[in-house]
C-alpha atoms as a PDB file:
ATOM      1  CA  MET A   1       3.964  -0.674  -1.625  1.00  0.00           C
ATOM      2  CA  VAL A   2       7.175  -2.039  -0.105  1.00  0.00           C
ATOM      3  CA  GLY A   3       8.902   0.498   2.150  1.00  0.00           C
ATOM      4  CA  THR A   4      11.809  -1.563   3.486  1.00  0.00           C
ATOM      5  CA  LEU A   5      13.354  -4.927   2.754  1.00  0.00           C
ATOM      6  CA  PRO A   6      12.338  -7.817   5.032  1.00  0.00           C
ATOM      7  CA  VAL A   7      14.408  -8.222   8.207  1.00  0.00           C
ATOM      8  CA  PRO A   8      14.532 -11.386  10.336  1.00  0.00           C
ATOM      9  CA  LYS A   9      12.325 -11.463  13.409  1.00  0.00           C
ATOM     10  CA  TYR A  10      13.970 -12.803  16.568  1.00  0.00           C
ATOM     11  CA  ALA A  11      12.452 -14.735  19.452  1.00  0.00           C
ATOM     12  CA  ASP A  12      14.841 -13.251  22.037  1.00  0.00           C
ATOM     13  CA  GLN A  13      16.307  -9.831  22.813  1.00  0.00           C
ATOM     14  CA  GLU A  14      19.859 -11.096  22.291  1.00  0.00           C
ATOM     15  CA  LYS A  15      18.929 -11.911  18.674  1.00  0.00           C
ATOM     16  CA  THR A  16      20.334 -15.422  18.865  1.00  0.00           C
ATOM     17  CA  GLN A  17      17.178 -17.341  17.919  1.00  0.00           C
ATOM     18  CA  PHE A  18      14.938 -16.691  14.911  1.00  0.00           C
ATOM     19  CA  ALA A  19      11.200 -16.440  15.502  1.00  0.00           C
ATOM     20  CA  THR A  20       9.379 -19.180  13.618  1.00  0.00           C
ATOM     21  CA  ASP A  21       5.838 -19.921  12.556  1.00  0.00           C
ATOM     22  CA  ARG A  22       4.244 -22.253  15.114  1.00  0.00           C
ATOM     23  CA  GLU A  23       2.548 -24.403  12.471  1.00  0.00           C
ATOM     24  CA  THR A  24       5.129 -24.614   9.676  1.00  0.00           C
ATOM     25  CA  GLY A  25       8.429 -23.800  11.395  1.00  0.00           C
ATOM     26  CA  ALA A  26       9.241 -21.201   8.698  1.00  0.00           C
ATOM     27  CA  LYS A  27      11.417 -18.252   9.776  1.00  0.00           C
ATOM     28  CA  LEU A  28       9.465 -15.028  10.294  1.00  0.00           C
ATOM     29  CA  TYR A  29      10.397 -11.682   8.774  1.00  0.00           C
ATOM     30  CA  THR A  30       9.169  -8.132   9.338  1.00  0.00           C
ATOM     31  CA  ILE A  31       8.630  -5.827   6.390  1.00  0.00           C
ATOM     32  CA  THR A  32       7.381  -2.244   6.282  1.00  0.00           C
ATOM     33  CA  LEU A  33       4.644  -1.593   3.745  1.00  0.00           C
ATOM     34  CA  PHE A  34       3.054   1.720   2.827  1.00  0.00           C
ATOM     35  CA  PHE A  35      -0.732   1.633   2.564  1.00  0.00           C
ATOM     36  CA  MET A  36      -2.088   4.502   0.467  1.00  0.00           C
ATOM     37  CA  GLU A  37      -5.743   5.403   0.172  1.00  0.00           C
ATOM     38  CA  GLU A  38      -7.710   8.571  -0.597  1.00  0.00           C
ATOM     39  CA  GLY A  39      -4.800  10.988  -0.271  1.00  0.00           C
ATOM     40  CA  ARG A  40      -3.267   9.511   2.880  1.00  0.00           C
ATOM     41  CA  ALA A  41      -0.530   6.996   3.592  1.00  0.00           C
ATOM     42  CA  GLU A  42       0.290   4.780   6.553  1.00  0.00           C
ATOM     43  CA  ALA A  43       3.391   2.719   7.276  1.00  0.00           C
ATOM     44  CA  LEU A  44       2.582  -0.780   8.561  1.00  0.00           C
ATOM     45  CA  LYS A  45       5.084  -3.287   9.891  1.00  0.00           C
ATOM     46  CA  ILE A  46       3.867  -6.727   8.869  1.00  0.00           C
ATOM     47  CA  THR A  47       5.205 -10.145   9.866  1.00  0.00           C
ATOM     48  CA  VAL A  48       5.419 -12.640   7.007  1.00  0.00           C
ATOM     49  CA  PRO A  49       6.883 -16.163   6.956  1.00  0.00           C
ATOM     50  CA  GLU A  50       9.941 -16.650   4.752  1.00  0.00           C
ATOM     51  CA  THR A  51       7.856 -18.916   2.504  1.00  0.00           C
ATOM     52  CA  GLY A  52       5.470 -15.989   1.817  1.00  0.00           C
ATOM     53  CA  LEU A  53       8.129 -13.556   0.562  1.00  0.00           C
ATOM     54  CA  PRO A  54       8.262 -13.468  -3.253  1.00  0.00           C
ATOM     55  CA  ASP A  55      11.407 -12.867  -5.287  1.00  0.00           C
ATOM     56  CA  GLY A  56      11.714  -9.296  -6.504  1.00  0.00           C
ATOM     57  CA  LEU A  57      10.817  -7.490  -3.274  1.00  0.00           C
ATOM     58  CA  LYS A  58      12.453  -4.067  -3.094  1.00  0.00           C
ATOM     59  CA  PRO A  59      11.382  -0.614  -1.924  1.00  0.00           C
ATOM     60  CA  GLY A  60       8.716   0.898  -4.153  1.00  0.00           C
ATOM     61  CA  VAL A  61       7.358  -2.407  -5.495  1.00  0.00           C
ATOM     62  CA  PRO A  62       3.560  -2.704  -5.174  1.00  0.00           C
ATOM     63  CA  VAL A  63       2.425  -5.773  -3.206  1.00  0.00           C
ATOM     64  CA  MET A  64      -0.821  -7.231  -1.871  1.00  0.00           C
ATOM     65  CA  PRO A  65      -0.798  -8.870   1.579  1.00  0.00           C
ATOM     66  CA  VAL A  66      -2.740 -12.156   1.521  1.00  0.00           C
ATOM     67  CA  GLU A  67      -4.663 -13.328   4.600  1.00  0.00           C
ATOM     68  CA  LEU A  68      -3.709 -10.165   6.489  1.00  0.00           C
ATOM     69  CA  PHE A  69      -4.952 -10.019  10.067  1.00  0.00           C
ATOM     70  CA  ALA A  70      -4.422  -7.719  13.031  1.00  0.00           C
ATOM     71  CA  THR A  71      -3.936  -8.710  16.654  1.00  0.00           C
ATOM     72  CA  PRO A  72      -4.153  -6.107  19.430  1.00  0.00           C
ATOM     73  CA  TRP A  73      -1.531  -6.487  22.164  1.00  0.00           C
ATOM     74  CA  ALA A  74      -0.623  -4.887  25.478  1.00  0.00           C
ATOM     75  CA  ARG A  75       2.082  -5.434  28.081  1.00  0.00           C
ATOM     76  CA  ILE A  76       3.445  -3.777  31.171  1.00  0.00           C
ATOM     77  CA  PHE A  77       7.219  -3.245  31.173  1.00  0.00           C
ATOM     78  CA  ASN A  78       8.986  -1.411  34.006  1.00  0.00           C
ATOM     79  CA  GLY A  79       5.630  -0.179  35.259  1.00  0.00           C
ATOM     80  CA  SER A  80       4.589   1.376  31.935  1.00  0.00           C
ATOM     81  CA  LEU A  81       1.842   0.105  29.678  1.00  0.00           C
ATOM     82  CA  SER A  82       2.733  -0.438  26.025  1.00  0.00           C
ATOM     83  CA  ASP A  83       0.136  -1.419  23.481  1.00  0.00           C
ATOM     84  CA  GLY A  84      -0.412  -1.615  19.759  1.00  0.00           C
ATOM     85  CA  ILE A  85      -1.528  -3.795  16.904  1.00  0.00           C
ATOM     86  CA  ALA A  86       0.545  -6.606  15.403  1.00  0.00           C
ATOM     87  CA  TYR A  87      -0.045  -7.300  11.695  1.00  0.00           C
ATOM     88  CA  ARG A  88       0.544 -10.700  10.103  1.00  0.00           C
ATOM     89  CA  ALA A  89       0.108 -11.947   6.537  1.00  0.00           C
ATOM     90  CA  ASP A  90       0.444 -15.441   5.111  1.00  0.00           C
ATOM     91  CA  ARG A  91       2.235 -14.089   2.053  1.00  0.00           C
ATOM     92  CA  LEU A  92       2.825 -11.064  -0.164  1.00  0.00           C
ATOM     93  CA  ASP A  93       1.839 -11.135  -3.816  1.00  0.00           C
ATOM     94  CA  LEU A  94       3.641  -8.861  -6.286  1.00  0.00           C
ATOM     95  CA  MET A  95       1.275  -6.520  -8.089  1.00  0.00           C
ATOM     96  CA  ALA A  96       1.784  -5.098 -11.584  1.00  0.00           C
ATOM     97  CA  PRO A  97       2.424  -1.330 -11.527  1.00  0.00           C
ATOM     98  CA  ALA A  98      -0.446   0.706 -13.008  1.00  0.00           C
ATOM     99  CA  ALA A  99       1.564   1.544 -16.146  1.00  0.00           C
ATOM    100  CA  GLU A 100       2.216  -2.145 -16.885  1.00  0.00           C
ATOM    101  CA  ALA A 101      -1.359  -3.224 -16.100  1.00  0.00           C
ATOM    102  CA  ALA A 102      -2.836  -0.934 -18.776  1.00  0.00           C
END
């Protein structure tokens, strides 16, 4: 389910240059999705190219990430280690809410 609207991803800290897909050149966006399963929920920030964002995205809309993959990362900044997992999807598909699907 969509948690927040997509926001542009930037290639620099000054936010003067958009991050782009290396293969297609499409602008990249970050969107927060809520993943719910078996009584628990997680918020995931996922990077999606502009070409993979369907019309009609708004908070609460159910979506399915397509070609979702995770990349672990780590860096040392000012002597401190930061690490995490970066999520990327080729596109988001809108899903019919359960009431409409029946």
